[in-house]
Amino acid sequence: MVNKKTWEEFRQSGMLWLVNKSLHLFGWAIVVEIEDGKIINAYPARVKFRGFDEKTDSEGYIKVSEFMKEKKEIGEVTLINQETGEEFKIQPVDTELVTNGKIEVSVPDIIFYGADNLEIMKLKANGDIYVKGNLIENDSEVVDGLREFLTSHGVR
């Protein structure tokens, strides 16, 4: 089933932020051009920046989580590797109000497992990245970890 949406709904839901957060790892982004408050164009582009600031990330997680709860379109999502049949489960992010009036986002660690079910890379909510249990210190270690993850799942 395909349920076509507008770029504006995609952006307002926080999904554009979420997709760009992932694309930034590889130096890409989906760019939207806005004129008079309306999206007039959208396209993929190469970018030099990586990630977003903490405020933008917090707002993004909240938008996505609220959209998912409000629309009830997305619960737990299962992704299946077409070649191996492996399943990956993704769950919505929970948000809760805290006493100081700020919204705190509870973000689970994102863990990449190899085909042997051993942890290759872990992305922590605080921004730390671990490859094979070791805190990485440079971009080449992230690239090596992603390459190993992709290679172990049959991507060349």
Protein backbone atom coordinates (compact mmCIF):
# COMPACT_ATOMS: atom_id res chain seq x y z
CA MET A 1 0.00 0.00 0.00
CA VAL A 2 1.22 3.48 -0.86
CA ASN A 3 -0.21 6.52 0.87
CA LYS A 4 1.25 9.55 -0.90
CA LYS A 5 2.17 12.51 1.35
CA THR A 6 3.33 16.04 0.65
CA TRP A 7 6.85 17.31 1.27
CA GLU A 8 5.34 19.73 3.79
CA GLU A 9 3.79 16.91 5.84
CA PHE A 10 7.08 15.00 5.61
CA ARG A 11 8.91 18.05 6.93
CA GLN A 12 6.36 18.96 9.64
CA SER A 13 6.29 15.39 10.95
CA GLY A 14 10.03 15.50 11.63
CA MET A 15 10.71 12.73 9.12
CA LEU A 16 12.82 15.02 6.90
CA TRP A 17 15.06 15.75 9.91
CA LEU A 18 15.25 12.03 10.74
CA VAL A 19 16.20 11.03 7.19
CA ASN A 20 18.75 13.85 6.96
CA LYS A 21 20.25 12.80 10.30
CA SER A 22 21.08 9.44 8.72
CA LEU A 23 22.13 10.86 5.35
CA HIS A 24 24.57 13.29 7.04
CA LEU A 25 26.71 10.30 8.05
CA PHE A 26 27.50 9.86 4.36
CA GLY A 27 27.73 13.55 3.39
CA TRP A 28 24.24 13.75 1.86
CA ALA A 29 20.99 15.55 2.66
CA ILE A 30 17.55 16.11 1.22
CA VAL A 31 17.24 19.85 0.71
CA VAL A 32 13.91 21.66 0.55
CA GLU A 33 13.59 25.14 -0.92
CA ILE A 34 10.94 27.28 0.75
CA GLU A 35 9.37 30.36 -0.76
CA ASP A 36 6.56 32.31 0.94
CA GLY A 37 6.25 29.53 3.54
CA LYS A 38 5.72 26.81 0.92
CA ILE A 39 8.07 24.12 -0.30
CA ILE A 40 8.77 24.78 -3.97
CA ASN A 41 11.49 22.21 -4.58
CA ALA A 42 13.15 19.20 -2.94
CA TYR A 43 16.29 17.39 -4.04
CA PRO A 44 19.24 15.33 -2.73
CA ALA A 45 22.54 17.18 -2.29
CA ARG A 46 26.10 16.57 -1.12
CA VAL A 47 26.88 18.45 2.10
CA LYS A 48 29.95 19.09 4.23
CA PHE A 49 28.24 19.24 7.62
CA ARG A 50 27.50 16.20 9.77
CA GLY A 51 24.49 16.08 12.09
CA PHE A 52 22.51 18.76 13.85
CA ASP A 53 22.94 20.76 17.05
CA GLU A 54 21.45 19.41 20.30
CA LYS A 55 18.40 21.71 20.21
CA THR A 56 17.49 20.68 16.64
CA ASP A 57 17.96 17.00 17.50
CA SER A 58 15.74 17.28 20.59
CA GLU A 59 13.03 19.07 18.60
CA GLY A 60 13.33 16.49 15.83
CA TYR A 61 12.91 13.50 18.14
CA ILE A 62 9.90 15.17 19.75
CA LYS A 63 8.28 15.97 16.38
CA VAL A 64 8.72 12.43 15.09
CA SER A 65 7.50 10.86 18.32
CA GLU A 66 4.44 13.14 18.51
CA PHE A 67 3.63 12.50 14.86
CA MET A 68 3.84 8.75 15.37
CA LYS A 69 1.62 8.86 18.47
CA GLU A 70 -0.86 11.29 16.90
CA LYS A 71 -1.24 9.58 13.56
CA LYS A 72 -0.94 6.04 14.92
CA GLU A 73 0.39 5.23 11.46
CA ILE A 74 3.64 3.89 12.77
CA GLY A 75 4.12 1.53 15.69
CA GLU A 76 6.97 -0.89 15.82
CA VAL A 77 8.46 -1.21 12.35
CA THR A 78 10.19 -4.34 11.11
CA LEU A 79 12.75 -4.02 8.32
CA ILE A 80 13.71 -7.20 6.49
CA ASN A 81 16.97 -7.74 4.62
CA GLN A 82 15.80 -9.12 1.27
CA GLU A 83 18.92 -11.25 0.76
CA THR A 84 19.29 -12.84 4.20
CA GLY A 85 15.77 -12.56 5.63
CA GLU A 86 17.19 -10.92 8.78
CA GLU A 87 14.71 -8.74 10.65
CA PHE A 88 15.48 -5.40 12.31
CA LYS A 89 12.91 -3.84 14.65
CA ILE A 90 12.54 -0.09 15.17
CA GLN A 91 10.30 1.38 17.86
CA PRO A 92 8.98 4.93 18.37
CA VAL A 93 10.91 7.26 20.66
CA ASP A 94 9.21 8.12 23.98
CA THR A 95 9.08 11.68 25.29
CA GLU A 96 8.18 12.87 28.76
CA LEU A 97 7.86 16.24 30.49
CA VAL A 98 10.30 16.97 33.29
CA THR A 99 9.85 19.32 36.25
CA ASN A 100 11.88 22.25 34.91
CA GLY A 101 9.44 22.68 32.02
CA LYS A 102 11.79 21.29 29.40
CA ILE A 103 11.04 18.20 27.41
CA GLU A 104 13.59 15.48 27.84
CA VAL A 105 13.94 12.98 25.05
CA SER A 106 14.71 9.39 25.88
CA VAL A 107 16.70 8.04 22.95
CA PRO A 108 17.80 4.42 22.85
CA ASP A 109 21.26 3.47 21.66
CA ILE A 110 21.35 2.55 18.00
CA ILE A 111 23.30 -0.66 17.56
CA PHE A 112 24.54 -2.12 14.26
CA TYR A 113 25.04 -5.88 14.36
CA GLY A 114 26.99 -7.96 11.86
CA ALA A 115 25.56 -11.02 10.15
CA ASP A 116 27.09 -13.04 13.01
CA ASN A 117 24.95 -11.04 15.51
CA LEU A 118 28.04 -9.46 17.07
CA GLU A 119 27.90 -5.72 17.74
CA ILE A 120 29.87 -3.73 15.17
CA MET A 121 28.90 -0.16 16.00
CA LYS A 122 26.86 1.65 18.67
CA LEU A 123 25.56 5.22 18.42
CA LYS A 124 24.92 6.59 21.92
CA ALA A 125 22.35 9.29 22.75
CA ASN A 126 25.14 11.54 24.04
CA GLY A 127 26.83 11.49 20.61
CA ASP A 128 29.54 8.95 21.43
CA ILE A 129 30.19 6.34 18.76
CA TYR A 130 31.66 2.95 19.56
CA VAL A 131 33.12 0.50 17.04
CA LYS A 132 33.55 -3.06 18.40
CA GLY A 133 33.20 -1.73 21.95
CA ASN A 134 35.84 0.99 21.59
CA LEU A 135 35.05 4.70 21.72
CA ILE A 136 36.10 6.10 18.34
CA GLU A 137 38.10 9.26 17.99
CA ASN A 138 38.07 10.08 14.27
CA ASP A 139 35.87 9.91 11.18
CA SER A 140 37.86 7.10 9.56
CA GLU A 141 36.92 4.76 12.42
CA VAL A 142 33.22 5.54 11.83
CA VAL A 143 33.64 4.86 8.12
CA ASP A 144 35.45 1.56 8.86
CA GLY A 145 32.64 0.50 11.21
CA LEU A 146 29.93 1.34 8.67
CA ARG A 147 31.84 -0.48 5.92
CA GLU A 148 32.12 -3.58 8.07
CA PHE A 149 28.41 -3.44 8.93
CA LEU A 150 27.38 -3.04 5.27
CA THR A 151 29.80 -5.69 4.03
CA SER A 152 28.64 -8.20 6.65
CA HIS A 153 25.09 -7.75 5.33
CA GLY A 154 26.02 -8.31 1.69
CA VAL A 155 26.31 -4.68 0.56
CA ARG A 156 29.32 -4.10 -1.66
